[in-house]
Amino acid sequence: MVHNNFEKDLADGQKGEEVVRHFGEMVWDLRFIKYNDDSAFDILFEDDEHNVVKTDYFEKNWGEGGTGNMAIEYKCRGKPSGIKKTKAMYFAYYIPNVRDKQLWIISVDDLKNLLKNCRFRRVSGGETYYDNDEKVTRCYLIDRYRYKKHFKVYTFDERGDWVLAYE
């Protein structure tokens, strides 16, 4: 959930990364190497095909179904960030507050092409600058229902398994 408190939001994001790590180990049969805390990637696995993953934990605090949008960060504090800086091969989005808990996955190349070829609303978000009320982060908003066909969507079932729900 969004706390508007960096430390609490960071803790929520780390929970999302743990979910993506579990997915990588259980579904893609990858060996976890490390978590990372810079713009390059969030999780490093040992595998040529899935070696780095950028995670986003979103739809926080929006209730069942959420807003339907994915926020793709591209700028923070006036500098390129998120999709503009990542070295990851995949973007993974964990949505914990829908009925089935969902993980949406797309290759970074496919996501960049989607952002290049379609017009998405841009919004400000996150914390504010220390000296004014302006938000420090800029994001693209992707309607996840409209663009679902570009993602692989997995759900977490009651047995504790990840199931491909949409491809």
Foldseek 3Di string as FASTA:
>chain_A
DDDLDVVVVVVVVVVQVVVVVVCCCAPVVWAWDDADDDQAAGTATPDPQFGGEHEDEDLPPQAAPRPQKDWAWQFFQRHGGGLPRYNGQKYWYWHQHYPFTKIKMAGSVLVVVVPVPDDFDKDADHHADPPDRGGGIITGIDRCVVVVQRIFMWGQDPVRDTDGPHD
